[in-house]
Amino acid sequence: MTAISARASGEGSGRGGWAALHAVLMCLSNLSKSSWPNSSRSSAVPASCSLIKYPISTTFETRVVPLVEVEDETVSSTHIRGLIAAGDVERAGRFLGAPFMLEGEVVGGDRRGRDLGFPTANIVPADHLAHPGHGVYAAWAHGHMAAVNVGVRPTFETGRGLLVEAYLIDFDADLYGEVLRIAFARRLRGERRFESAEALVEQMERDVEDARRVLAG
């Protein structure tokens, strides 16, 4: 992991200085895709970087920051995204140093949760952002304990795509159009299909109690 600070003045100020900084960042981006952390410092910089034409008065400083380890594993964005996708939000939170969070505007749904006695605030996650794997999670939402389902609702044939449904415990208000931020604490179970709405409701009641217990601890 590397951090760079740049100082540009005189001929190196303005657009020329930023262009040079961009060139340096591109070189370091290429380094991050190689085995550079395992190489000797004397041979770390590729030959292509020496071809960069810097403004004569532009000064750059490069600092090499030691890799961070948690639980004897190197912290990396790739590993964290993998944990989140696998539903291991609890471990991902330890690597991040804070709970994994997802936010979005609350949108209208099928109102089936309200009919079942568990009204939810729904978010459609952006395709390009990380989101937890399908399942039910204990989480905090809007400052309240919540039981959150991430998935496609297999018990009902909705034809809709991925949806994040947050049931805010002991909360009753309309959140449509508001931005909801969800902090995931722990995965409770995987998503599955139930034979009847009654069986689903019974499981949802257990999920809410499980979420309450996890978050209260």
N, C-alpha and C. Protein backbone atom coordinates (compact mmCIF):
# COMPACT_ATOMS: atom_id res chain seq x y z
N MET A 1 0.87 -1.18 0.00
CA MET A 1 0.00 0.00 0.00
C MET A 1 0.90 1.22 0.00
N THR A 2 0.65 2.20 -0.90
CA THR A 2 1.49 3.38 -0.98
C THR A 2 0.65 4.64 -0.87
N ALA A 3 1.25 5.66 -0.29
CA ALA A 3 0.60 6.96 -0.23
C ALA A 3 1.53 7.97 -0.86
N ILE A 4 0.96 8.94 -1.58
CA ILE A 4 1.77 9.92 -2.29
C ILE A 4 1.33 11.32 -1.91
N SER A 5 2.28 12.20 -1.68
CA SER A 5 1.94 13.62 -1.57
C SER A 5 2.73 14.35 -2.63
N ALA A 6 2.15 15.41 -3.20
CA ALA A 6 2.84 16.14 -4.26
C ALA A 6 2.81 17.63 -3.97
N ARG A 7 3.86 18.29 -4.35
CA ARG A 7 3.93 19.73 -4.21
C ARG A 7 4.32 20.29 -5.56
N ALA A 8 3.50 21.18 -6.10
CA ALA A 8 3.78 21.75 -7.42
C ALA A 8 3.88 23.26 -7.30
N SER A 9 4.92 23.84 -7.95
CA SER A 9 5.08 25.29 -7.92
C SER A 9 5.76 25.72 -9.21
N GLY A 10 5.71 27.01 -9.49
CA GLY A 10 6.37 27.54 -10.69
C GLY A 10 5.82 26.89 -11.94
N GLU A 11 6.74 26.38 -12.78
CA GLU A 11 6.34 25.75 -14.02
C GLU A 11 5.52 24.49 -13.78
N GLY A 12 5.66 23.89 -12.57
CA GLY A 12 4.96 22.65 -12.30
C GLY A 12 3.58 22.84 -11.74
N SER A 13 3.16 24.11 -11.54
CA SER A 13 1.85 24.32 -10.96
C SER A 13 0.77 24.18 -12.01
N GLY A 14 -0.48 24.18 -11.58
CA GLY A 14 -1.60 24.14 -12.50
C GLY A 14 -1.72 22.80 -13.18
N ARG A 15 -2.20 22.82 -14.43
CA ARG A 15 -2.52 21.59 -15.15
C ARG A 15 -1.30 20.71 -15.35
N GLY A 16 -0.14 21.33 -15.57
CA GLY A 16 1.05 20.54 -15.80
C GLY A 16 1.44 19.70 -14.60
N GLY A 17 1.33 20.31 -13.40
CA GLY A 17 1.67 19.59 -12.17
C GLY A 17 0.73 18.43 -11.93
N TRP A 18 -0.56 18.66 -12.15
CA TRP A 18 -1.53 17.56 -11.93
C TRP A 18 -1.36 16.46 -12.96
N ALA A 19 -0.96 16.81 -14.18
CA ALA A 19 -0.72 15.80 -15.20
C ALA A 19 0.45 14.90 -14.79
N ALA A 20 1.48 15.52 -14.21
CA ALA A 20 2.62 14.73 -13.76
C ALA A 20 2.22 13.80 -12.61
N LEU A 21 1.42 14.33 -11.69
CA LEU A 21 0.95 13.52 -10.57
C LEU A 21 0.14 12.34 -11.08
N HIS A 22 -0.71 12.59 -12.07
CA HIS A 22 -1.52 11.51 -12.65
C HIS A 22 -0.62 10.44 -13.23
N ALA A 23 0.47 10.84 -13.90
CA ALA A 23 1.39 9.87 -14.48
C ALA A 23 2.03 9.00 -13.41
N VAL A 24 2.39 9.62 -12.28
CA VAL A 24 2.99 8.86 -11.18
C VAL A 24 1.98 7.88 -10.61
N LEU A 25 0.75 8.33 -10.43
CA LEU A 25 -0.28 7.45 -9.90
C LEU A 25 -0.53 6.26 -10.82
N MET A 26 -0.48 6.48 -12.12
CA MET A 26 -0.67 5.38 -13.07
C MET A 26 0.46 4.37 -12.93
N CYS A 27 1.67 4.83 -12.72
CA CYS A 27 2.80 3.92 -12.52
C CYS A 27 2.60 3.08 -11.27
N LEU A 28 2.18 3.74 -10.18
CA LEU A 28 1.98 3.01 -8.93
C LEU A 28 0.80 2.07 -9.03
N SER A 29 -0.20 2.42 -9.87
CA SER A 29 -1.31 1.51 -10.10
C SER A 29 -0.81 0.23 -10.75
N ASN A 30 0.12 0.38 -11.71
CA ASN A 30 0.70 -0.79 -12.35
C ASN A 30 1.51 -1.61 -11.35
N LEU A 31 2.19 -0.90 -10.43
CA LEU A 31 2.96 -1.60 -9.41
C LEU A 31 2.06 -2.46 -8.53
N SER A 32 0.88 -1.93 -8.20
CA SER A 32 -0.02 -2.65 -7.30
C SER A 32 -0.53 -3.92 -7.93
N LYS A 33 -0.48 -4.01 -9.27
CA LYS A 33 -0.95 -5.22 -9.96
C LYS A 33 0.18 -6.24 -10.13
N SER A 34 1.38 -5.88 -9.70
CA SER A 34 2.51 -6.78 -9.83
C SER A 34 2.87 -7.35 -8.48
N SER A 35 4.03 -7.96 -8.40
CA SER A 35 4.49 -8.54 -7.13
C SER A 35 5.37 -7.56 -6.38
N TRP A 36 5.13 -6.27 -6.59
CA TRP A 36 6.00 -5.25 -6.01
C TRP A 36 6.20 -5.38 -4.51
N PRO A 37 5.14 -5.66 -3.68
CA PRO A 37 5.37 -5.75 -2.24
C PRO A 37 6.39 -6.82 -1.86
N ASN A 38 6.60 -7.79 -2.76
CA ASN A 38 7.53 -8.87 -2.47
C ASN A 38 8.89 -8.65 -3.15
N SER A 39 9.03 -7.51 -3.78
CA SER A 39 10.28 -7.22 -4.49
C SER A 39 11.18 -6.35 -3.64
N SER A 40 12.44 -6.30 -4.03
CA SER A 40 13.36 -5.42 -3.34
C SER A 40 13.08 -3.98 -3.77
N ARG A 41 13.31 -3.05 -2.88
CA ARG A 41 13.01 -1.67 -3.20
C ARG A 41 13.83 -1.18 -4.38
N SER A 42 15.05 -1.69 -4.53
CA SER A 42 15.93 -1.21 -5.59
C SER A 42 15.40 -1.58 -6.97
N SER A 43 14.56 -2.63 -7.05
CA SER A 43 14.07 -3.05 -8.36
C SER A 43 12.57 -2.87 -8.46
N ALA A 44 12.00 -2.05 -7.57
CA ALA A 44 10.54 -1.97 -7.49
C ALA A 44 9.93 -1.18 -8.64
N VAL A 45 10.58 -0.10 -9.08
CA VAL A 45 9.96 0.79 -10.05
C VAL A 45 10.20 0.30 -11.47
N PRO A 46 9.13 0.08 -12.26
CA PRO A 46 9.31 -0.39 -13.62
C PRO A 46 9.97 0.65 -14.49
N ALA A 47 10.60 0.17 -15.57
CA ALA A 47 11.34 1.08 -16.43
C ALA A 47 10.45 2.13 -17.05
N SER A 48 9.18 1.81 -17.29
CA SER A 48 8.28 2.77 -17.94
C SER A 48 8.12 4.04 -17.12
N CYS A 49 8.27 3.91 -15.80
CA CYS A 49 8.09 5.10 -14.96
C CYS A 49 9.20 6.12 -15.18
N SER A 50 10.34 5.66 -15.63
CA SER A 50 11.45 6.59 -15.84
C SER A 50 11.23 7.45 -17.08
N LEU A 51 10.22 7.11 -17.88
CA LEU A 51 9.97 7.87 -19.10
C LEU A 51 9.06 9.08 -18.85
N ILE A 52 8.53 9.20 -17.61
CA ILE A 52 7.64 10.31 -17.30
C ILE A 52 8.42 11.62 -17.36
N LYS A 53 7.84 12.60 -18.03
CA LYS A 53 8.48 13.93 -18.13
C LYS A 53 7.85 14.84 -17.08
N TYR A 54 8.57 15.11 -16.00
CA TYR A 54 8.05 15.95 -14.93
C TYR A 54 8.36 17.42 -15.22
N PRO A 55 7.45 18.34 -14.88
CA PRO A 55 7.83 19.76 -14.89
C PRO A 55 9.02 19.94 -13.95
N ILE A 56 9.96 20.75 -14.34
CA ILE A 56 11.25 20.79 -13.65
C ILE A 56 11.13 21.18 -12.19
N SER A 57 10.12 22.01 -11.85
CA SER A 57 10.02 22.47 -10.47
C SER A 57 8.98 21.71 -9.66
N THR A 58 8.47 20.60 -10.19
CA THR A 58 7.48 19.81 -9.47
C THR A 58 8.17 18.80 -8.57
N THR A 59 7.79 18.74 -7.32
CA THR A 59 8.40 17.83 -6.36
C THR A 59 7.37 16.81 -5.88
N PHE A 60 7.74 15.53 -5.90
CA PHE A 60 6.87 14.47 -5.43
C PHE A 60 7.54 13.72 -4.29
N GLU A 61 6.74 13.30 -3.35
CA GLU A 61 7.25 12.49 -2.25
C GLU A 61 6.41 11.22 -2.16
N THR A 62 7.07 10.08 -2.12
CA THR A 62 6.36 8.80 -2.03
C THR A 62 6.66 8.13 -0.70
N ARG A 63 5.61 7.69 0.00
CA ARG A 63 5.77 6.98 1.26
C ARG A 63 5.20 5.58 1.11
N VAL A 64 5.96 4.58 1.52
CA VAL A 64 5.50 3.19 1.52
C VAL A 64 4.95 2.89 2.91
N VAL A 65 3.66 2.52 2.96
CA VAL A 65 2.99 2.25 4.23
C VAL A 65 2.91 0.74 4.45
N PRO A 66 3.28 0.25 5.61
CA PRO A 66 3.23 -1.20 5.86
C PRO A 66 1.82 -1.74 5.68
N LEU A 67 1.73 -2.97 5.20
CA LEU A 67 0.44 -3.63 5.06
C LEU A 67 -0.19 -3.85 6.43
N VAL A 68 -1.51 -3.76 6.49
CA VAL A 68 -2.24 -3.95 7.74
C VAL A 68 -2.75 -5.39 7.79
N GLU A 69 -2.59 -6.01 8.94
CA GLU A 69 -3.07 -7.37 9.13
C GLU A 69 -4.10 -7.42 10.25
N VAL A 70 -5.14 -8.23 10.04
CA VAL A 70 -6.16 -8.49 11.05
C VAL A 70 -6.36 -9.99 11.10
N GLU A 71 -6.28 -10.56 12.28
CA GLU A 71 -6.45 -12.00 12.45
C GLU A 71 -5.48 -12.78 11.57
N ASP A 72 -4.24 -12.28 11.50
CA ASP A 72 -3.16 -12.90 10.74
C ASP A 72 -3.42 -12.93 9.24
N GLU A 73 -4.29 -12.06 8.75
CA GLU A 73 -4.55 -11.96 7.31
C GLU A 73 -4.37 -10.51 6.87
N THR A 74 -3.83 -10.34 5.66
CA THR A 74 -3.62 -9.01 5.13
C THR A 74 -4.95 -8.39 4.74
N VAL A 75 -5.17 -7.17 5.19
CA VAL A 75 -6.41 -6.47 4.86
C VAL A 75 -6.33 -5.96 3.43
N SER A 76 -7.33 -6.30 2.63
CA SER A 76 -7.40 -5.82 1.25
C SER A 76 -8.86 -5.64 0.87
N SER A 77 -9.12 -4.75 -0.07
CA SER A 77 -10.49 -4.51 -0.50
C SER A 77 -11.08 -5.75 -1.15
N THR A 78 -10.25 -6.50 -1.87
CA THR A 78 -10.74 -7.72 -2.53
C THR A 78 -11.22 -8.73 -1.50
N HIS A 79 -10.44 -8.92 -0.44
CA HIS A 79 -10.82 -9.88 0.60
C HIS A 79 -12.08 -9.43 1.32
N ILE A 80 -12.18 -8.14 1.60
CA ILE A 80 -13.35 -7.61 2.30
C ILE A 80 -14.60 -7.78 1.44
N ARG A 81 -14.50 -7.49 0.15
CA ARG A 81 -15.66 -7.67 -0.74
C ARG A 81 -16.08 -9.13 -0.79
N GLY A 82 -15.10 -10.04 -0.75
CA GLY A 82 -15.43 -11.46 -0.74
C GLY A 82 -16.17 -11.86 0.52
N LEU A 83 -15.75 -11.33 1.66
CA LEU A 83 -16.44 -11.63 2.92
C LEU A 83 -17.87 -11.11 2.89
N ILE A 84 -18.06 -9.92 2.37
CA ILE A 84 -19.39 -9.33 2.30
C ILE A 84 -20.29 -10.16 1.39
N ALA A 85 -19.78 -10.53 0.23
CA ALA A 85 -20.57 -11.32 -0.72
C ALA A 85 -20.94 -12.68 -0.13
N ALA A 86 -20.08 -13.22 0.72
CA ALA A 86 -20.35 -14.51 1.35
C ALA A 86 -21.28 -14.38 2.55
N GLY A 87 -21.64 -13.16 2.90
CA GLY A 87 -22.52 -12.94 4.04
C GLY A 87 -21.82 -12.81 5.37
N ASP A 88 -20.49 -12.88 5.37
CA ASP A 88 -19.75 -12.81 6.63
C ASP A 88 -19.51 -11.34 6.98
N VAL A 89 -20.60 -10.62 7.24
CA VAL A 89 -20.49 -9.19 7.51
C VAL A 89 -19.83 -8.91 8.85
N GLU A 90 -19.95 -9.84 9.78
CA GLU A 90 -19.33 -9.66 11.08
C GLU A 90 -17.81 -9.60 10.95
N ARG A 91 -17.25 -10.53 10.18
CA ARG A 91 -15.79 -10.54 9.98
C ARG A 91 -15.35 -9.38 9.10
N ALA A 92 -16.15 -9.06 8.10
CA ALA A 92 -15.84 -7.92 7.24
C ALA A 92 -15.76 -6.64 8.07
N GLY A 93 -16.65 -6.52 9.05
CA GLY A 93 -16.62 -5.35 9.92
C GLY A 93 -15.34 -5.25 10.72
N ARG A 94 -14.81 -6.40 11.14
CA ARG A 94 -13.53 -6.38 11.88
C ARG A 94 -12.39 -5.93 10.98
N PHE A 95 -12.44 -6.31 9.70
CA PHE A 95 -11.40 -5.90 8.76
C PHE A 95 -11.54 -4.42 8.42
N LEU A 96 -12.78 -3.94 8.34
CA LEU A 96 -13.01 -2.54 8.02
C LEU A 96 -12.76 -1.62 9.21
N GLY A 97 -12.88 -2.18 10.42
CA GLY A 97 -12.77 -1.37 11.61
C GLY A 97 -14.09 -0.73 12.00
N ALA A 98 -15.16 -1.07 11.29
CA ALA A 98 -16.50 -0.56 11.55
C ALA A 98 -17.47 -1.44 10.78
N PRO A 99 -18.75 -1.46 11.16
CA PRO A 99 -19.71 -2.30 10.44
C PRO A 99 -19.79 -1.93 8.95
N PHE A 100 -19.99 -2.95 8.11
CA PHE A 100 -20.23 -2.68 6.70
C PHE A 100 -21.58 -1.97 6.57
N MET A 101 -21.61 -0.90 5.79
CA MET A 101 -22.83 -0.10 5.67
C MET A 101 -23.29 -0.02 4.22
N LEU A 102 -24.59 0.01 4.05
CA LEU A 102 -25.21 0.15 2.74
C LEU A 102 -26.30 1.21 2.89
N GLU A 103 -26.40 2.09 1.91
CA GLU A 103 -27.45 3.10 1.99
C GLU A 103 -28.10 3.30 0.64
N GLY A 104 -29.32 3.78 0.68
CA GLY A 104 -30.06 4.04 -0.55
C GLY A 104 -31.40 4.65 -0.23
N GLU A 105 -32.06 5.12 -1.26
CA GLU A 105 -33.38 5.71 -1.09
C GLU A 105 -34.42 4.63 -0.89
N VAL A 106 -35.31 4.83 0.06
CA VAL A 106 -36.38 3.87 0.32
C VAL A 106 -37.39 3.95 -0.81
N VAL A 107 -37.66 2.79 -1.42
CA VAL A 107 -38.57 2.73 -2.57
C VAL A 107 -39.80 1.90 -2.22
N GLY A 108 -40.83 2.05 -3.02
CA GLY A 108 -42.05 1.28 -2.81
C GLY A 108 -41.84 -0.18 -3.19
N GLY A 109 -42.52 -1.07 -2.49
CA GLY A 109 -42.44 -2.49 -2.78
C GLY A 109 -43.82 -3.06 -3.04
N ASP A 110 -43.98 -4.34 -2.79
CA ASP A 110 -45.27 -5.00 -3.00
C ASP A 110 -46.19 -4.86 -1.80
N ARG A 111 -45.68 -4.23 -0.74
CA ARG A 111 -46.43 -4.07 0.53
C ARG A 111 -46.84 -5.42 1.13
N ARG A 112 -46.16 -6.47 0.71
CA ARG A 112 -46.49 -7.78 1.26
C ARG A 112 -46.06 -7.90 2.71
N GLY A 113 -44.92 -7.27 3.05
CA GLY A 113 -44.46 -7.30 4.43
C GLY A 113 -45.47 -6.66 5.37
N ARG A 114 -46.08 -5.56 4.94
CA ARG A 114 -47.08 -4.91 5.78
C ARG A 114 -48.29 -5.82 5.97
N ASP A 115 -48.68 -6.51 4.90
CA ASP A 115 -49.81 -7.44 5.00
C ASP A 115 -49.51 -8.59 5.96
N LEU A 116 -48.23 -8.96 6.06
CA LEU A 116 -47.84 -10.05 6.95
C LEU A 116 -47.56 -9.59 8.37
N GLY A 117 -47.63 -8.28 8.60
CA GLY A 117 -47.37 -7.75 9.94
C GLY A 117 -45.95 -7.29 10.15
N PHE A 118 -45.14 -7.26 9.06
CA PHE A 118 -43.74 -6.84 9.17
C PHE A 118 -43.43 -5.85 8.05
N PRO A 119 -43.90 -4.60 8.18
CA PRO A 119 -43.63 -3.60 7.13
C PRO A 119 -42.13 -3.32 7.02
N THR A 120 -41.65 -3.24 5.80
CA THR A 120 -40.22 -3.06 5.58
C THR A 120 -39.92 -1.79 4.80
N ALA A 121 -38.75 -1.26 5.02
CA ALA A 121 -38.21 -0.17 4.21
C ALA A 121 -37.28 -0.82 3.19
N ASN A 122 -37.55 -0.59 1.92
CA ASN A 122 -36.86 -1.33 0.85
C ASN A 122 -35.86 -0.46 0.10
N ILE A 123 -34.71 -1.06 -0.18
CA ILE A 123 -33.66 -0.41 -0.97
C ILE A 123 -33.28 -1.32 -2.13
N VAL A 124 -33.15 -0.76 -3.31
CA VAL A 124 -32.62 -1.50 -4.45
C VAL A 124 -31.13 -1.17 -4.54
N PRO A 125 -30.24 -2.13 -4.20
CA PRO A 125 -28.81 -1.81 -4.20
C PRO A 125 -28.27 -1.62 -5.61
N ALA A 126 -27.35 -0.69 -5.75
CA ALA A 126 -26.72 -0.45 -7.05
C ALA A 126 -25.87 -1.65 -7.45
N ASP A 127 -25.91 -2.00 -8.72
CA ASP A 127 -25.20 -3.19 -9.21
C ASP A 127 -23.70 -3.11 -8.99
N HIS A 128 -23.14 -1.90 -9.07
CA HIS A 128 -21.69 -1.76 -9.01
C HIS A 128 -21.15 -1.68 -7.59
N LEU A 129 -22.04 -1.70 -6.59
CA LEU A 129 -21.60 -1.62 -5.20
C LEU A 129 -21.68 -2.98 -4.51
N ALA A 130 -20.83 -3.18 -3.53
CA ALA A 130 -20.85 -4.43 -2.77
C ALA A 130 -22.12 -4.50 -1.93
N HIS A 131 -22.65 -5.69 -1.81
CA HIS A 131 -23.81 -5.90 -0.94
C HIS A 131 -23.72 -7.31 -0.36
N PRO A 132 -24.30 -7.54 0.81
CA PRO A 132 -24.21 -8.87 1.42
C PRO A 132 -24.92 -9.93 0.58
N GLY A 133 -24.43 -11.17 0.70
CA GLY A 133 -25.08 -12.27 0.00
C GLY A 133 -26.48 -12.50 0.52
N HIS A 134 -27.27 -13.25 -0.24
CA HIS A 134 -28.67 -13.49 0.13
C HIS A 134 -28.76 -14.07 1.54
N GLY A 135 -29.69 -13.53 2.31
CA GLY A 135 -29.87 -14.03 3.66
C GLY A 135 -30.55 -13.00 4.54
N VAL A 136 -30.69 -13.35 5.80
CA VAL A 136 -31.31 -12.48 6.79
C VAL A 136 -30.23 -12.04 7.78
N TYR A 137 -30.23 -10.75 8.12
CA TYR A 137 -29.17 -10.18 8.93
C TYR A 137 -29.73 -9.37 10.10
N ALA A 138 -28.98 -9.35 11.18
CA ALA A 138 -29.22 -8.40 12.26
C ALA A 138 -28.46 -7.14 11.89
N ALA A 139 -29.13 -5.99 12.00
CA ALA A 139 -28.51 -4.75 11.56
C ALA A 139 -29.10 -3.57 12.32
N TRP A 140 -28.46 -2.43 12.12
CA TRP A 140 -29.00 -1.16 12.63
C TRP A 140 -29.43 -0.36 11.43
N ALA A 141 -30.64 0.22 11.49
CA ALA A 141 -31.15 1.03 10.39
C ALA A 141 -31.90 2.23 10.96
N HIS A 142 -31.51 3.40 10.53
CA HIS A 142 -32.18 4.63 10.98
C HIS A 142 -32.11 4.76 12.50
N GLY A 143 -31.04 4.19 13.08
CA GLY A 143 -30.86 4.27 14.53
C GLY A 143 -31.66 3.25 15.31
N HIS A 144 -32.30 2.31 14.60
CA HIS A 144 -33.11 1.30 15.26
C HIS A 144 -32.57 -0.10 14.96
N MET A 145 -32.81 -1.03 15.90
CA MET A 145 -32.53 -2.43 15.61
C MET A 145 -33.37 -2.86 14.41
N ALA A 146 -32.81 -3.76 13.60
CA ALA A 146 -33.54 -4.18 12.41
C ALA A 146 -33.20 -5.62 12.04
N ALA A 147 -34.19 -6.28 11.45
CA ALA A 147 -33.97 -7.58 10.81
C ALA A 147 -34.06 -7.30 9.31
N VAL A 148 -33.00 -7.64 8.59
CA VAL A 148 -32.88 -7.24 7.19
C VAL A 148 -32.76 -8.47 6.29
N ASN A 149 -33.60 -8.52 5.27
CA ASN A 149 -33.50 -9.59 4.28
C ASN A 149 -32.87 -9.05 3.01
N VAL A 150 -31.87 -9.77 2.52
CA VAL A 150 -31.24 -9.43 1.24
C VAL A 150 -31.50 -10.59 0.30
N GLY A 151 -32.20 -10.34 -0.79
CA GLY A 151 -32.49 -11.44 -1.70
C GLY A 151 -33.61 -11.15 -2.67
N VAL A 152 -34.25 -12.23 -3.11
CA VAL A 152 -35.25 -12.13 -4.18
C VAL A 152 -36.61 -12.64 -3.75
N ARG A 153 -36.82 -12.88 -2.44
CA ARG A 153 -38.11 -13.30 -1.90
C ARG A 153 -38.64 -14.55 -2.60
N PRO A 154 -37.99 -15.70 -2.44
CA PRO A 154 -38.36 -16.91 -3.18
C PRO A 154 -39.72 -17.50 -2.83
N THR A 155 -40.29 -17.12 -1.67
CA THR A 155 -41.61 -17.66 -1.30
C THR A 155 -42.70 -17.13 -2.22
N PHE A 156 -42.48 -15.94 -2.80
CA PHE A 156 -43.49 -15.31 -3.66
C PHE A 156 -42.91 -15.09 -5.06
N GLU A 157 -43.72 -15.32 -6.08
CA GLU A 157 -43.28 -15.11 -7.46
C GLU A 157 -43.49 -13.64 -7.80
N THR A 158 -42.49 -12.83 -7.53
CA THR A 158 -42.63 -11.39 -7.75
C THR A 158 -42.05 -10.95 -9.10
N GLY A 159 -41.07 -11.69 -9.61
CA GLY A 159 -40.42 -11.29 -10.84
C GLY A 159 -39.47 -10.13 -10.67
N ARG A 160 -39.26 -9.70 -9.43
CA ARG A 160 -38.37 -8.57 -9.18
C ARG A 160 -36.96 -9.06 -8.88
N GLY A 161 -36.01 -8.15 -9.02
CA GLY A 161 -34.62 -8.50 -8.77
C GLY A 161 -34.26 -8.36 -7.30
N LEU A 162 -32.97 -8.19 -7.08
CA LEU A 162 -32.45 -8.12 -5.72
C LEU A 162 -33.04 -6.92 -4.96
N LEU A 163 -33.42 -7.17 -3.72
CA LEU A 163 -33.99 -6.14 -2.88
C LEU A 163 -33.46 -6.29 -1.46
N VAL A 164 -33.20 -5.17 -0.81
CA VAL A 164 -32.81 -5.16 0.60
C VAL A 164 -34.02 -4.66 1.38
N GLU A 165 -34.58 -5.52 2.24
CA GLU A 165 -35.79 -5.20 2.98
C GLU A 165 -35.46 -5.13 4.47
N ALA A 166 -35.64 -3.95 5.04
CA ALA A 166 -35.30 -3.75 6.45
C ALA A 166 -36.57 -3.58 7.28
N TYR A 167 -36.75 -4.49 8.24
CA TYR A 167 -37.84 -4.35 9.20
C TYR A 167 -37.26 -3.70 10.44
N LEU A 168 -37.64 -2.47 10.70
CA LEU A 168 -37.13 -1.73 11.85
C LEU A 168 -37.95 -2.09 13.08
N ILE A 169 -37.29 -2.66 14.06
CA ILE A 169 -37.96 -3.18 15.26
C ILE A 169 -38.45 -2.02 16.13
N ASP A 170 -39.71 -2.13 16.56
CA ASP A 170 -40.33 -1.11 17.43
C ASP A 170 -40.32 0.27 16.78
N PHE A 171 -40.55 0.29 15.48
CA PHE A 171 -40.56 1.55 14.73
C PHE A 171 -41.75 1.53 13.78
N ASP A 172 -42.49 2.63 13.73
CA ASP A 172 -43.65 2.69 12.85
C ASP A 172 -43.76 4.10 12.26
N ALA A 173 -43.20 4.27 11.06
CA ALA A 173 -43.25 5.56 10.38
C ALA A 173 -43.01 5.33 8.90
N ASP A 174 -43.43 6.27 8.09
CA ASP A 174 -43.26 6.18 6.64
C ASP A 174 -41.89 6.74 6.26
N LEU A 175 -41.07 5.90 5.63
CA LEU A 175 -39.72 6.32 5.24
C LEU A 175 -39.57 6.46 3.73
N TYR A 176 -40.64 6.35 2.97
CA TYR A 176 -40.54 6.44 1.51
C TYR A 176 -39.88 7.74 1.08
N GLY A 177 -38.91 7.60 0.18
CA GLY A 177 -38.20 8.76 -0.35
C GLY A 177 -37.02 9.21 0.49
N GLU A 178 -36.89 8.69 1.70
CA GLU A 178 -35.76 9.05 2.55
C GLU A 178 -34.56 8.14 2.25
N VAL A 179 -33.37 8.63 2.59
CA VAL A 179 -32.17 7.82 2.45
C VAL A 179 -31.99 7.01 3.73
N LEU A 180 -31.95 5.70 3.56
CA LEU A 180 -31.81 4.80 4.70
C LEU A 180 -30.40 4.21 4.70
N ARG A 181 -29.76 4.27 5.85
CA ARG A 181 -28.42 3.70 5.99
C ARG A 181 -28.51 2.48 6.90
N ILE A 182 -28.00 1.36 6.42
CA ILE A 182 -28.07 0.10 7.15
C ILE A 182 -26.65 -0.35 7.52
N ALA A 183 -26.42 -0.60 8.80
CA ALA A 183 -25.14 -1.10 9.29
C ALA A 183 -25.33 -2.57 9.67
N PHE A 184 -24.71 -3.47 8.91
CA PHE A 184 -24.91 -4.90 9.11
C PHE A 184 -24.03 -5.42 10.25
N ALA A 185 -24.66 -6.17 11.16
CA ALA A 185 -23.93 -6.69 12.32
C ALA A 185 -23.60 -8.18 12.20
N ARG A 186 -24.60 -9.00 11.82
CA ARG A 186 -24.36 -10.44 11.77
C ARG A 186 -25.39 -11.12 10.86
N ARG A 187 -24.94 -12.14 10.17
CA ARG A 187 -25.87 -12.94 9.35
C ARG A 187 -26.58 -13.94 10.25
N LEU A 188 -27.92 -13.98 10.14
CA LEU A 188 -28.71 -14.88 10.98
C LEU A 188 -28.99 -16.21 10.29
N ARG A 189 -29.27 -16.16 9.00
CA ARG A 189 -29.57 -17.39 8.25
C ARG A 189 -29.56 -17.08 6.76
N GLY A 190 -29.61 -18.13 5.96
CA GLY A 190 -29.70 -17.95 4.52
C GLY A 190 -31.14 -17.72 4.08
N GLU A 191 -31.30 -17.22 2.88
CA GLU A 191 -32.65 -17.02 2.34
C GLU A 191 -33.18 -18.36 1.82
N ARG A 192 -34.45 -18.64 2.11
CA ARG A 192 -35.04 -19.88 1.62
C ARG A 192 -36.52 -19.70 1.35
N ARG A 193 -37.06 -20.66 0.62
CA ARG A 193 -38.48 -20.62 0.26
C ARG A 193 -39.30 -21.36 1.31
N PHE A 194 -40.45 -20.77 1.67
CA PHE A 194 -41.34 -21.39 2.64
C PHE A 194 -42.60 -21.89 1.92
N GLU A 195 -43.19 -22.93 2.48
CA GLU A 195 -44.34 -23.56 1.86
C GLU A 195 -45.61 -22.73 1.98
N SER A 196 -45.65 -21.83 2.94
CA SER A 196 -46.84 -21.01 3.13
C SER A 196 -46.47 -19.68 3.76
N ALA A 197 -47.38 -18.71 3.65
CA ALA A 197 -47.16 -17.41 4.26
C ALA A 197 -47.10 -17.54 5.78
N GLU A 198 -47.88 -18.45 6.32
CA GLU A 198 -47.90 -18.66 7.78
C GLU A 198 -46.53 -19.14 8.27
N ALA A 199 -45.93 -20.07 7.53
CA ALA A 199 -44.61 -20.58 7.91
C ALA A 199 -43.57 -19.47 7.83
N LEU A 200 -43.71 -18.60 6.83
CA LEU A 200 -42.79 -17.47 6.68
C LEU A 200 -42.92 -16.52 7.86
N VAL A 201 -44.15 -16.22 8.26
CA VAL A 201 -44.39 -15.32 9.38
C VAL A 201 -43.77 -15.87 10.66
N GLU A 202 -43.93 -17.16 10.89
CA GLU A 202 -43.34 -17.79 12.08
C GLU A 202 -41.83 -17.62 12.08
N GLN A 203 -41.20 -17.80 10.92
CA GLN A 203 -39.75 -17.65 10.83
C GLN A 203 -39.35 -16.19 11.01
N MET A 204 -40.14 -15.29 10.47
CA MET A 204 -39.83 -13.86 10.61
C MET A 204 -39.89 -13.44 12.07
N GLU A 205 -40.82 -13.99 12.81
CA GLU A 205 -40.90 -13.69 14.25
C GLU A 205 -39.63 -14.15 14.96
N ARG A 206 -39.13 -15.32 14.57
CA ARG A 206 -37.88 -15.81 15.17
C ARG A 206 -36.70 -14.94 14.75
N ASP A 207 -36.72 -14.52 13.48
CA ASP A 207 -35.64 -13.66 12.99
C ASP A 207 -35.57 -12.36 13.76
N VAL A 208 -36.73 -11.77 14.03
CA VAL A 208 -36.77 -10.50 14.77
C VAL A 208 -36.22 -10.69 16.18
N GLU A 209 -36.60 -11.77 16.82
CA GLU A 209 -36.09 -12.01 18.17
C GLU A 209 -34.59 -12.30 18.16
N ASP A 210 -34.13 -13.02 17.14
CA ASP A 210 -32.69 -13.29 17.02
C ASP A 210 -31.93 -11.99 16.80
N ALA A 211 -32.47 -11.13 15.94
CA ALA A 211 -31.82 -9.84 15.67
C ALA A 211 -31.77 -8.98 16.93
N ARG A 212 -32.87 -8.97 17.66
CA ARG A 212 -32.94 -8.19 18.90
C ARG A 212 -31.87 -8.68 19.89
N ARG A 213 -31.74 -10.00 20.00
CA ARG A 213 -30.78 -10.57 20.95
C ARG A 213 -29.34 -10.24 20.54
N VAL A 214 -29.05 -10.38 19.25
CA VAL A 214 -27.70 -10.10 18.76
C VAL A 214 -27.33 -8.63 18.99
N LEU A 215 -28.24 -7.74 18.66
CA LEU A 215 -27.94 -6.31 18.74
C LEU A 215 -27.94 -5.78 20.16
N ALA A 216 -28.68 -6.45 21.02
CA ALA A 216 -28.70 -6.04 22.43
C ALA A 216 -27.43 -6.46 23.14
N GLY A 217 -26.76 -7.48 22.60
CA GLY A 217 -25.54 -7.99 23.22
C GLY A 217 -24.36 -7.13 22.90
